[in-house]
């Protein structure tokens, strides 16, 4: 899609483009500029930033990949067991080691 820029009108991303990109009213975005290119990216929450850092950790990636291989081989285990392993691995990192309570509701 091509639009013509005008002197006194702000640049607006057309609704069809926002919809295709998955943006919704209320989303926060960041603008990044490099040369003559403007990139619009979603503003990440602190939790999303921490998740991204953790997923790049080679030990955590290896644990997740091993769990996936076991799943594909038909082996299963409770999710809280995997969560405990990941928390243990992340424990040595800044901000890591915080466990999240995943209690099941009483039947």
PDB file of N, CA and C in Angstrom:
ATOM      1  N   UNK A   1       0.847  -1.170   0.000  1.00  0.00           N
ATOM      2  CA  UNK A   1       0.000   0.000   0.000  1.00  0.00           C
ATOM      3  C   UNK A   1       0.894   1.234   0.000  1.00  0.00           C
ATOM      4  N   UNK A   2       0.556   2.194  -0.786  1.00  0.00           N
ATOM      5  CA  UNK A   2       1.317   3.439  -0.882  1.00  0.00           C
ATOM      6  C   UNK A   2       0.433   4.599  -0.457  1.00  0.00           C
ATOM      7  N   UNK A   3       0.996   5.506   0.356  1.00  0.00           N
ATOM      8  CA  UNK A   3       0.285   6.719   0.763  1.00  0.00           C
ATOM      9  C   UNK A   3       1.186   7.911   0.468  1.00  0.00           C
ATOM     10  N   UNK A   4       0.581   9.080   0.319  1.00  0.00           N
ATOM     11  CA  UNK A   4       1.334  10.305   0.063  1.00  0.00           C
ATOM     12  C   UNK A   4       1.402  11.113   1.341  1.00  0.00           C
ATOM     13  N   UNK A   5       2.609  11.491   1.744  1.00  0.00           N
ATOM     14  CA  UNK A   5       2.788  12.295   2.944  1.00  0.00           C
ATOM     15  C   UNK A   5       2.427  13.740   2.648  1.00  0.00           C
ATOM     16  N   UNK A   6       1.807  14.390   3.618  1.00  0.00           N
ATOM     17  CA  UNK A   6       1.437  15.797   3.491  1.00  0.00           C
ATOM     18  C   UNK A   6       2.052  16.561   4.649  1.00  0.00           C
ATOM     19  N   UNK A   7       2.313  17.821   4.431  1.00  0.00           N
ATOM     20  CA  UNK A   7       3.044  18.646   5.382  1.00  0.00           C
ATOM     21  C   UNK A   7       2.417  18.672   6.780  1.00  0.00           C
ATOM     22  N   UNK A   8       1.143  18.873   6.928  1.00  0.00           N
ATOM     23  CA  UNK A   8       0.540  19.091   8.245  1.00  0.00           C
ATOM     24  C   UNK A   8      -0.256  17.891   8.758  1.00  0.00           C
ATOM     25  N   UNK A   9      -0.107  16.745   8.116  1.00  0.00           N
ATOM     26  CA  UNK A   9      -0.860  15.561   8.556  1.00  0.00           C
ATOM     27  C   UNK A   9       0.139  14.521   9.052  1.00  0.00           C
ATOM     28  N   UNK A  10      -0.129  14.012  10.261  1.00  0.00           N
ATOM     29  CA  UNK A  10       0.751  12.985  10.820  1.00  0.00           C
ATOM     30  C   UNK A  10       0.628  11.703  10.006  1.00  0.00           C
ATOM     31  N   UNK A  11       1.696  10.946   9.973  1.00  0.00           N
ATOM     32  CA  UNK A  11       1.698   9.668   9.284  1.00  0.00           C
ATOM     33  C   UNK A  11       0.867   8.679  10.095  1.00  0.00           C
ATOM     34  N   UNK A  12      -0.084   8.038   9.463  1.00  0.00           N
ATOM     35  CA  UNK A  12      -0.972   7.092  10.127  1.00  0.00           C
ATOM     36  C   UNK A  12      -0.919   5.765   9.404  1.00  0.00           C
ATOM     37  N   UNK A  13      -0.751   4.691  10.164  1.00  0.00           N
ATOM     38  CA  UNK A  13      -0.775   3.357   9.551  1.00  0.00           C
ATOM     39  C   UNK A  13      -2.229   3.002   9.268  1.00  0.00           C
ATOM     40  N   UNK A  14      -2.540   2.633   8.025  1.00  0.00           N
ATOM     41  CA  UNK A  14      -3.920   2.281   7.681  1.00  0.00           C
ATOM     42  C   UNK A  14      -4.427   1.111   8.523  1.00  0.00           C
ATOM     43  N   UNK A  15      -5.727   1.094   8.758  1.00  0.00           N
ATOM     44  CA  UNK A  15      -6.340   0.068   9.595  1.00  0.00           C
ATOM     45  C   UNK A  15      -6.033  -1.338   9.083  1.00  0.00           C
ATOM     46  N   UNK A  16      -6.083  -1.543   7.774  1.00  0.00           N
ATOM     47  CA  UNK A  16      -5.828  -2.882   7.226  1.00  0.00           C
ATOM     48  C   UNK A  16      -4.399  -3.349   7.548  1.00  0.00           C
ATOM     49  N   UNK A  17      -3.449  -2.429   7.543  1.00  0.00           N
ATOM     50  CA  UNK A  17      -2.058  -2.763   7.871  1.00  0.00           C
ATOM     51  C   UNK A  17      -1.936  -3.100   9.353  1.00  0.00           C
ATOM     52  N   UNK A  18      -2.557  -2.276  10.211  1.00  0.00           N
ATOM     53  CA  UNK A  18      -2.519  -2.547  11.657  1.00  0.00           C
ATOM     54  C   UNK A  18      -3.156  -3.889  11.964  1.00  0.00           C
ATOM     55  N   UNK A  19      -4.254  -4.191  11.310  1.00  0.00           N
ATOM     56  CA  UNK A  19      -4.955  -5.457  11.535  1.00  0.00           C
ATOM     57  C   UNK A  19      -4.061  -6.641  11.131  1.00  0.00           C
ATOM     58  N   UNK A  20      -3.415  -6.551   9.957  1.00  0.00           N
ATOM     59  CA  UNK A  20      -2.528  -7.629   9.495  1.00  0.00           C
ATOM     60  C   UNK A  20      -1.357  -7.837  10.448  1.00  0.00           C
ATOM     61  N   UNK A  21      -0.882  -6.750  11.050  1.00  0.00           N
ATOM     62  CA  UNK A  21       0.246  -6.830  11.981  1.00  0.00           C
ATOM     63  C   UNK A  21      -0.200  -7.279  13.372  1.00  0.00           C
ATOM     64  N   UNK A  22      -1.499  -7.334  13.612  1.00  0.00           N
ATOM     65  CA  UNK A  22      -2.004  -7.788  14.910  1.00  0.00           C
ATOM     66  C   UNK A  22      -2.092  -6.709  15.970  1.00  0.00           C
ATOM     67  N   UNK A  23      -1.988  -5.446  15.563  1.00  0.00           N
ATOM     68  CA  UNK A  23      -2.097  -4.357  16.532  1.00  0.00           C
ATOM     69  C   UNK A  23      -3.568  -4.080  16.833  1.00  0.00           C
ATOM     70  N   UNK A  24      -3.829  -3.767  18.106  1.00  0.00           N
ATOM     71  CA  UNK A  24      -5.198  -3.484  18.554  1.00  0.00           C
ATOM     72  C   UNK A  24      -5.213  -2.163  19.297  1.00  0.00           C
ATOM     73  N   UNK A  25      -6.387  -1.527  19.382  1.00  0.00           N
ATOM     74  CA  UNK A  25      -6.473  -0.279  20.156  1.00  0.00           C
ATOM     75  C   UNK A  25      -5.971  -0.509  21.584  1.00  0.00           C
ATOM     76  N   UNK A  26      -5.162   0.412  22.072  1.00  0.00           N
ATOM     77  CA  UNK A  26      -4.610   0.299  23.420  1.00  0.00           C
ATOM     78  C   UNK A  26      -3.201  -0.279  23.447  1.00  0.00           C
ATOM     79  N   UNK A  27      -2.768  -0.943  22.361  1.00  0.00           N
ATOM     80  CA  UNK A  27      -1.407  -1.474  22.304  1.00  0.00           C
ATOM     81  C   UNK A  27      -0.414  -0.315  22.330  1.00  0.00           C
ATOM     82  N   UNK A  28       0.716  -0.524  22.985  1.00  0.00           N
ATOM     83  CA  UNK A  28       1.778   0.467  22.965  1.00  0.00           C
ATOM     84  C   UNK A  28       2.836   0.012  21.975  1.00  0.00           C
ATOM     85  N   UNK A  29       3.375   0.968  21.227  1.00  0.00           N
ATOM     86  CA  UNK A  29       4.384   0.649  20.218  1.00  0.00           C
ATOM     87  C   UNK A  29       5.584   1.565  20.370  1.00  0.00           C
ATOM     88  N   UNK A  30       6.707   1.112  19.852  1.00  0.00           N
ATOM     89  CA  UNK A  30       7.924   1.915  19.815  1.00  0.00           C
ATOM     90  C   UNK A  30       8.281   2.162  18.358  1.00  0.00           C
ATOM     91  N   UNK A  31       8.822   3.329  18.083  1.00  0.00           N
ATOM     92  CA  UNK A  31       9.293   3.664  16.749  1.00  0.00           C
ATOM     93  C   UNK A  31      10.811   3.626  16.779  1.00  0.00           C
ATOM     94  N   UNK A  32      11.396   2.916  15.828  1.00  0.00           N
ATOM     95  CA  UNK A  32      12.853   2.859  15.706  1.00  0.00           C
ATOM     96  C   UNK A  32      13.206   3.377  14.323  1.00  0.00           C
ATOM     97  N   UNK A  33      14.242   4.202  14.251  1.00  0.00           N
ATOM     98  CA  UNK A  33      14.639   4.812  12.992  1.00  0.00           C
ATOM     99  C   UNK A  33      16.063   4.405  12.657  1.00  0.00           C
ATOM    100  N   UNK A  34      16.265   3.997  11.425  1.00  0.00           N
ATOM    101  CA  UNK A  34      17.594   3.663  10.925  1.00  0.00           C
ATOM    102  C   UNK A  34      17.667   4.179   9.495  1.00  0.00           C
ATOM    103  N   UNK A  35      18.421   5.251   9.322  1.00  0.00           N
ATOM    104  CA  UNK A  35      18.488   5.858   7.993  1.00  0.00           C
ATOM    105  C   UNK A  35      17.116   6.398   7.615  1.00  0.00           C
ATOM    106  N   UNK A  36      16.612   5.976   6.473  1.00  0.00           N
ATOM    107  CA  UNK A  36      15.292   6.409   6.015  1.00  0.00           C
ATOM    108  C   UNK A  36      14.211   5.366   6.289  1.00  0.00           C
ATOM    109  N   UNK A  37      14.503   4.419   7.193  1.00  0.00           N
ATOM    110  CA  UNK A  37      13.558   3.355   7.512  1.00  0.00           C
ATOM    111  C   UNK A  37      12.997   3.545   8.913  1.00  0.00           C
ATOM    112  N   UNK A  38      11.682   3.509   9.036  1.00  0.00           N
ATOM    113  CA  UNK A  38      10.996   3.592  10.328  1.00  0.00           C
ATOM    114  C   UNK A  38      10.410   2.210  10.603  1.00  0.00           C
ATOM    115  N   UNK A  39      10.736   1.659  11.768  1.00  0.00           N
ATOM    116  CA  UNK A  39      10.206   0.363  12.160  1.00  0.00           C
ATOM    117  C   UNK A  39       9.311   0.567  13.377  1.00  0.00           C
ATOM    118  N   UNK A  40       8.128  -0.024  13.353  1.00  0.00           N
ATOM    119  CA  UNK A  40       7.188   0.067  14.467  1.00  0.00           C
ATOM    120  C   UNK A  40       7.124  -1.317  15.113  1.00  0.00           C
ATOM    121  N   UNK A  41       7.442  -1.376  16.406  1.00  0.00           N
ATOM    122  CA  UNK A  41       7.446  -2.657  17.106  1.00  0.00           C
ATOM    123  C   UNK A  41       6.623  -2.536  18.384  1.00  0.00           C
ATOM    124  N   UNK A  42       6.006  -3.641  18.823  1.00  0.00           N
ATOM    125  CA  UNK A  42       5.240  -3.592  20.071  1.00  0.00           C
ATOM    126  C   UNK A  42       6.154  -3.283  21.250  1.00  0.00           C
ATOM    127  N   UNK A  43       5.667  -2.499  22.181  1.00  0.00           N
ATOM    128  CA  UNK A  43       6.394  -2.190  23.414  1.00  0.00           C
ATOM    129  C   UNK A  43       6.236  -3.396  24.330  1.00  0.00           C
ATOM    130  N   UNK A  44       7.341  -3.996  24.728  1.00  0.00           N
ATOM    131  CA  UNK A  44       7.293  -5.188  25.558  1.00  0.00           C
ATOM    132  C   UNK A  44       7.169  -4.831  27.033  1.00  0.00           C
ATOM    133  N   UNK A  45       6.454  -5.657  27.770  1.00  0.00           N
ATOM    134  CA  UNK A  45       6.354  -5.487  29.219  1.00  0.00           C
ATOM    135  C   UNK A  45       7.649  -6.001  29.841  1.00  0.00           C
ATOM    136  N   UNK A  46       7.938  -5.630  31.087  1.00  0.00           N
ATOM    137  CA  UNK A  46       9.137  -6.161  31.751  1.00  0.00           C
ATOM    138  C   UNK A  46       9.149  -7.689  31.799  1.00  0.00           C
ATOM    139  N   UNK A  47       7.985  -8.314  31.982  1.00  0.00           N
ATOM    140  CA  UNK A  47       7.921  -9.782  31.993  1.00  0.00           C
ATOM    141  C   UNK A  47       8.289 -10.363  30.634  1.00  0.00           C
ATOM    142  N   UNK A  48       7.809  -9.739  29.559  1.00  0.00           N
ATOM    143  CA  UNK A  48       8.133 -10.219  28.214  1.00  0.00           C
ATOM    144  C   UNK A  48       9.621 -10.061  27.922  1.00  0.00           C
ATOM    145  N   UNK A  49      10.219  -8.980  28.404  1.00  0.00           N
ATOM    146  CA  UNK A  49      11.655  -8.770  28.225  1.00  0.00           C
ATOM    147  C   UNK A  49      12.430  -9.858  28.971  1.00  0.00           C
ATOM    148  N   UNK A  50      12.036 -10.137  30.219  1.00  0.00           N
ATOM    149  CA  UNK A  50      12.707 -11.182  31.009  1.00  0.00           C
ATOM    150  C   UNK A  50      12.542 -12.545  30.341  1.00  0.00           C
ATOM    151  N   UNK A  51      11.341 -12.839  29.835  1.00  0.00           N
ATOM    152  CA  UNK A  51      11.101 -14.110  29.138  1.00  0.00           C
ATOM    153  C   UNK A  51      12.018 -14.239  27.931  1.00  0.00           C
ATOM    154  N   UNK A  52      12.172 -13.163  27.184  1.00  0.00           N
ATOM    155  CA  UNK A  52      13.037 -13.180  26.008  1.00  0.00           C
ATOM    156  C   UNK A  52      14.485 -13.446  26.382  1.00  0.00           C
ATOM    157  N   UNK A  53      14.939 -12.821  27.479  1.00  0.00           N
ATOM    158  CA  UNK A  53      16.309 -13.048  27.943  1.00  0.00           C
ATOM    159  C   UNK A  53      16.500 -14.502  28.359  1.00  0.00           C
ATOM    160  N   UNK A  54      15.515 -15.045  29.095  1.00  0.00           N
ATOM    161  CA  UNK A  54      15.618 -16.425  29.570  1.00  0.00           C
ATOM    162  C   UNK A  54      15.621 -17.416  28.415  1.00  0.00           C
ATOM    163  N   UNK A  55      14.789 -17.184  27.419  1.00  0.00           N
ATOM    164  CA  UNK A  55      14.680 -18.143  26.317  1.00  0.00           C
ATOM    165  C   UNK A  55      15.969 -18.184  25.504  1.00  0.00           C
ATOM    166  N   UNK A  56      16.778 -17.114  25.573  1.00  0.00           N
ATOM    167  CA  UNK A  56      18.061 -17.112  24.867  1.00  0.00           C
ATOM    168  C   UNK A  56      19.162 -17.801  25.675  1.00  0.00           C
ATOM    169  N   UNK A  57      18.897 -18.121  26.947  1.00  0.00           N
ATOM    170  CA  UNK A  57      19.882 -18.808  27.782  1.00  0.00           C
ATOM    171  C   UNK A  57      20.060 -20.232  27.247  1.00  0.00           C
ATOM    172  N   UNK A  58      21.294 -20.633  26.907  1.00  0.00           N
ATOM    173  CA  UNK A  58      21.523 -21.956  26.316  1.00  0.00           C
ATOM    174  C   UNK A  58      21.059 -23.112  27.209  1.00  0.00           C
ATOM    175  N   UNK A  59      21.216 -22.983  28.526  1.00  0.00           N
ATOM    176  CA  UNK A  59      20.794 -24.064  29.431  1.00  0.00           C
ATOM    177  C   UNK A  59      19.268 -24.214  29.419  1.00  0.00           C
ATOM    178  N   UNK A  60      18.576 -23.085  29.445  1.00  0.00           N
ATOM    179  CA  UNK A  60      17.108 -23.138  29.437  1.00  0.00           C
ATOM    180  C   UNK A  60      16.620 -23.664  28.088  1.00  0.00           C
ATOM    181  N   UNK A  61      17.206 -23.193  26.988  1.00  0.00           N
ATOM    182  CA  UNK A  61      16.833 -23.689  25.655  1.00  0.00           C
ATOM    183  C   UNK A  61      17.037 -25.201  25.566  1.00  0.00           C
ATOM    184  N   UNK A  62      18.168 -25.693  26.099  1.00  0.00           N
ATOM    185  CA  UNK A  62      18.456 -27.128  26.052  1.00  0.00           C
ATOM    186  C   UNK A  62      17.408 -27.918  26.836  1.00  0.00           C
ATOM    187  N   UNK A  63      17.004 -27.399  27.996  1.00  0.00           N
ATOM    188  CA  UNK A  63      15.986 -28.085  28.805  1.00  0.00           C
ATOM    189  C   UNK A  63      14.655 -28.126  28.081  1.00  0.00           C
ATOM    190  N   UNK A  64      14.270 -27.015  27.463  1.00  0.00           N
ATOM    191  CA  UNK A  64      13.003 -26.974  26.724  1.00  0.00           C
ATOM    192  C   UNK A  64      13.058 -27.922  25.531  1.00  0.00           C
ATOM    193  N   UNK A  65      14.180 -27.924  24.799  1.00  0.00           N
ATOM    194  CA  UNK A  65      14.316 -28.811  23.640  1.00  0.00           C
ATOM    195  C   UNK A  65      14.287 -30.275  24.058  1.00  0.00           C
ATOM    196  N   UNK A  66      14.950 -30.606  25.168  1.00  0.00           N
ATOM    197  CA  UNK A  66      14.922 -31.983  25.665  1.00  0.00           C
ATOM    198  C   UNK A  66      13.496 -32.390  26.027  1.00  0.00           C
ATOM    199  N   UNK A  67      12.769 -31.499  26.687  1.00  0.00           N
ATOM    200  CA  UNK A  67      11.377 -31.783  27.027  1.00  0.00           C
ATOM    201  C   UNK A  67      10.529 -32.000  25.785  1.00  0.00           C
ATOM    202  N   UNK A  68      10.788 -31.238  24.748  1.00  0.00           N
ATOM    203  CA  UNK A  68      10.039 -31.394  23.496  1.00  0.00           C
ATOM    204  C   UNK A  68      10.351 -32.747  22.850  1.00  0.00           C
ATOM    205  N   UNK A  69      11.631 -33.124  22.852  1.00  0.00           N
ATOM    206  CA  UNK A  69      12.004 -34.437  22.286  1.00  0.00           C
ATOM    207  C   UNK A  69      11.329 -35.565  23.064  1.00  0.00           C
ATOM    208  N   UNK A  70      11.296 -35.438  24.387  1.00  0.00           N
ATOM    209  CA  UNK A  70      10.636 -36.453  25.209  1.00  0.00           C
ATOM    210  C   UNK A  70       9.143 -36.514  24.900  1.00  0.00           C
ATOM    211  N   UNK A  71       8.528 -35.363  24.728  1.00  0.00           N
ATOM    212  CA  UNK A  71       7.104 -35.318  24.388  1.00  0.00           C
ATOM    213  C   UNK A  71       6.843 -36.023  23.062  1.00  0.00           C
ATOM    214  N   UNK A  72       7.677 -35.714  22.049  1.00  0.00           N
ATOM    215  CA  UNK A  72       7.514 -36.351  20.737  1.00  0.00           C
ATOM    216  C   UNK A  72       7.730 -37.854  20.809  1.00  0.00           C
ATOM    217  N   UNK A  73       8.549 -38.310  21.752  1.00  0.00           N
ATOM    218  CA  UNK A  73       8.805 -39.735  21.925  1.00  0.00           C
ATOM    219  C   UNK A  73       7.714 -40.412  22.755  1.00  0.00           C
ATOM    220  N   UNK A  74       6.717 -39.633  23.184  1.00  0.00           N
ATOM    221  CA  UNK A  74       5.602 -40.201  23.945  1.00  0.00           C
ATOM    222  C   UNK A  74       5.800 -40.180  25.444  1.00  0.00           C
ATOM    223  N   UNK A  75       6.890 -39.607  25.900  1.00  0.00           N
ATOM    224  CA  UNK A  75       7.135 -39.508  27.340  1.00  0.00           C
ATOM    225  C   UNK A  75       6.517 -38.206  27.841  1.00  0.00           C
ATOM    226  N   UNK A  76       5.835 -38.268  28.938  1.00  0.00           N
ATOM    227  CA  UNK A  76       5.236 -37.061  29.493  1.00  0.00           C
ATOM    228  C   UNK A  76       5.592 -36.950  30.969  1.00  0.00           C
ATOM    229  N   UNK A  77       5.468 -35.743  31.477  1.00  0.00           N
ATOM    230  CA  UNK A  77       5.668 -35.472  32.893  1.00  0.00           C
ATOM    231  C   UNK A  77       4.848 -34.239  33.237  1.00  0.00           C
ATOM    232  N   UNK A  78       4.565 -34.031  34.509  1.00  0.00           N
ATOM    233  CA  UNK A  78       3.776 -32.862  34.895  1.00  0.00           C
ATOM    234  C   UNK A  78       4.496 -31.555  34.527  1.00  0.00           C
ATOM    235  N   UNK A  79       3.743 -30.571  34.122  1.00  0.00           N
ATOM    236  CA  UNK A  79       4.308 -29.280  33.731  1.00  0.00           C
ATOM    237  C   UNK A  79       5.032 -28.619  34.890  1.00  0.00           C
ATOM    238  N   UNK A  80       4.547 -28.816  36.114  1.00  0.00           N
ATOM    239  CA  UNK A  80       5.205 -28.173  37.251  1.00  0.00           C
ATOM    240  C   UNK A  80       6.617 -28.726  37.471  1.00  0.00           C
ATOM    241  N   UNK A  81       6.865 -29.968  37.034  1.00  0.00           N
ATOM    242  CA  UNK A  81       8.207 -30.532  37.148  1.00  0.00           C
ATOM    243  C   UNK A  81       9.167 -29.777  36.212  1.00  0.00           C
ATOM    244  N   UNK A  82       8.729 -29.513  34.986  1.00  0.00           N
ATOM    245  CA  UNK A  82       9.530 -28.741  34.047  1.00  0.00           C
ATOM    246  C   UNK A  82       9.724 -27.318  34.576  1.00  0.00           C
ATOM    247  N   UNK A  83       8.665 -26.736  35.128  1.00  0.00           N
ATOM    248  CA  UNK A  83       8.758 -25.382  35.681  1.00  0.00           C
ATOM    249  C   UNK A  83       9.811 -25.323  36.786  1.00  0.00           C
ATOM    250  N   UNK A  84       9.839 -26.326  37.659  1.00  0.00           N
ATOM    251  CA  UNK A  84      10.838 -26.354  38.742  1.00  0.00           C
ATOM    252  C   UNK A  84      12.259 -26.439  38.175  1.00  0.00           C
ATOM    253  N   UNK A  85      12.438 -27.251  37.113  1.00  0.00           N
ATOM    254  CA  UNK A  85      13.764 -27.366  36.491  1.00  0.00           C
ATOM    255  C   UNK A  85      14.200 -26.019  35.910  1.00  0.00           C
ATOM    256  N   UNK A  86      13.294 -25.338  35.224  1.00  0.00           N
ATOM    257  CA  UNK A  86      13.630 -24.053  34.619  1.00  0.00           C
ATOM    258  C   UNK A  86      13.950 -23.004  35.676  1.00  0.00           C
ATOM    259  N   UNK A  87      13.195 -23.006  36.768  1.00  0.00           N
ATOM    260  CA  UNK A  87      13.450 -22.058  37.859  1.00  0.00           C
ATOM    261  C   UNK A  87      14.812 -22.345  38.482  1.00  0.00           C
ATOM    262  N   UNK A  88      15.139 -23.615  38.628  1.00  0.00           N
ATOM    263  CA  UNK A  88      16.437 -23.998  39.189  1.00  0.00           C
ATOM    264  C   UNK A  88      17.577 -23.501  38.297  1.00  0.00           C
ATOM    265  N   UNK A  89      17.435 -23.671  36.982  1.00  0.00           N
ATOM    266  CA  UNK A  89      18.457 -23.219  36.036  1.00  0.00           C
ATOM    267  C   UNK A  89      18.570 -21.697  36.069  1.00  0.00           C
ATOM    268  N   UNK A  90      17.435 -21.009  36.067  1.00  0.00           N
ATOM    269  CA  UNK A  90      17.422 -19.545  36.030  1.00  0.00           C
ATOM    270  C   UNK A  90      17.812 -18.944  37.375  1.00  0.00           C
ATOM    271  N   UNK A  91      17.872 -19.736  38.417  1.00  0.00           N
ATOM    272  CA  UNK A  91      18.159 -19.245  39.758  1.00  0.00           C
ATOM    273  C   UNK A  91      19.443 -18.468  39.881  1.00  0.00           C
ATOM    274  N   UNK A  92      20.432 -18.803  39.075  1.00  0.00           N
ATOM    275  CA  UNK A  92      21.713 -18.112  39.133  1.00  0.00           C
ATOM    276  C   UNK A  92      21.728 -16.804  38.376  1.00  0.00           C
ATOM    277  N   UNK A  93      20.659 -16.488  37.652  1.00  0.00           N
ATOM    278  CA  UNK A  93      20.614 -15.275  36.846  1.00  0.00           C
ATOM    279  C   UNK A  93      19.963 -14.148  37.633  1.00  0.00           C
ATOM    280  N   UNK A  94      20.272 -12.920  37.250  1.00  0.00           N
ATOM    281  CA  UNK A  94      19.640 -11.759  37.878  1.00  0.00           C
ATOM    282  C   UNK A  94      18.155 -11.817  37.639  1.00  0.00           C
ATOM    283  N   UNK A  95      17.385 -11.704  38.686  1.00  0.00           N
ATOM    284  CA  UNK A  95      15.929 -11.714  38.555  1.00  0.00           C
ATOM    285  C   UNK A  95      15.348 -13.106  38.437  1.00  0.00           C
ATOM    286  N   UNK A  96      16.189 -14.119  38.311  1.00  0.00           N
ATOM    287  CA  UNK A  96      15.692 -15.485  38.178  1.00  0.00           C
ATOM    288  C   UNK A  96      15.441 -16.091  39.536  1.00  0.00           C
ATOM    289  N   UNK A  97      14.976 -17.325  39.525  1.00  0.00           N
ATOM    290  CA  UNK A  97      14.771 -18.049  40.755  1.00  0.00           C
ATOM    291  C   UNK A  97      13.445 -17.793  41.414  1.00  0.00           C
ATOM    292  N   UNK A  98      12.644 -16.927  40.863  1.00  0.00           N
ATOM    293  CA  UNK A  98      11.332 -16.669  41.443  1.00  0.00           C
ATOM    294  C   UNK A  98      10.384 -17.745  40.956  1.00  0.00           C
ATOM    295  N   UNK A  99       9.794 -18.460  41.884  1.00  0.00           N
ATOM    296  CA  UNK A  99       8.863 -19.493  41.457  1.00  0.00           C
ATOM    297  C   UNK A  99       7.460 -18.918  41.401  1.00  0.00           C
ATOM    298  N   UNK A 100       6.697 -19.469  40.519  1.00  0.00           N
ATOM    299  CA  UNK A 100       5.326 -19.036  40.336  1.00  0.00           C
ATOM    300  C   UNK A 100       4.428 -20.143  40.848  1.00  0.00           C
ATOM    301  N   UNK A 101       3.489 -19.793  41.708  1.00  0.00           N
ATOM    302  CA  UNK A 101       2.580 -20.787  42.244  1.00  0.00           C
ATOM    303  C   UNK A 101       1.614 -21.231  41.162  1.00  0.00           C
ATOM    304  N   UNK A 102       1.579 -22.517  40.915  1.00  0.00           N
ATOM    305  CA  UNK A 102       0.705 -23.086  39.889  1.00  0.00           C
ATOM    306  C   UNK A 102      -0.209 -24.119  40.537  1.00  0.00           C
ATOM    307  N   UNK A 103      -0.873 -23.730  41.596  1.00  0.00           N
ATOM    308  CA  UNK A 103      -1.735 -24.648  42.322  1.00  0.00           C
ATOM    309  C   UNK A 103      -2.979 -24.965  41.532  1.00  0.00           C
ATOM    310  N   UNK A 104      -3.364 -26.199  41.598  1.00  0.00           N
ATOM    311  CA  UNK A 104      -4.603 -26.625  40.964  1.00  0.00           C
ATOM    312  C   UNK A 104      -5.774 -26.319  41.894  1.00  0.00           C
ATOM    313  N   UNK A 105      -6.907 -25.889  41.325  1.00  0.00           N
ATOM    314  CA  UNK A 105      -8.069 -25.649  42.181  1.00  0.00           C
ATOM    315  C   UNK A 105      -8.563 -26.965  42.773  1.00  0.00           C
ATOM    316  N   UNK A 106      -9.070 -26.887  43.993  1.00  0.00           N
ATOM    317  CA  UNK A 106      -9.602 -28.100  44.640  1.00  0.00           C
ATOM    318  C   UNK A 106     -10.866 -28.537  43.944  1.00  0.00           C
ATOM    319  N   UNK A 107     -10.975 -29.850  43.765  1.00  0.00           N
ATOM    320  CA  UNK A 107     -12.145 -30.412  43.063  1.00  0.00           C
ATOM    321  C   UNK A 107     -13.311 -30.557  43.998  1.00  0.00           C
TER     322      UNK A 107
END
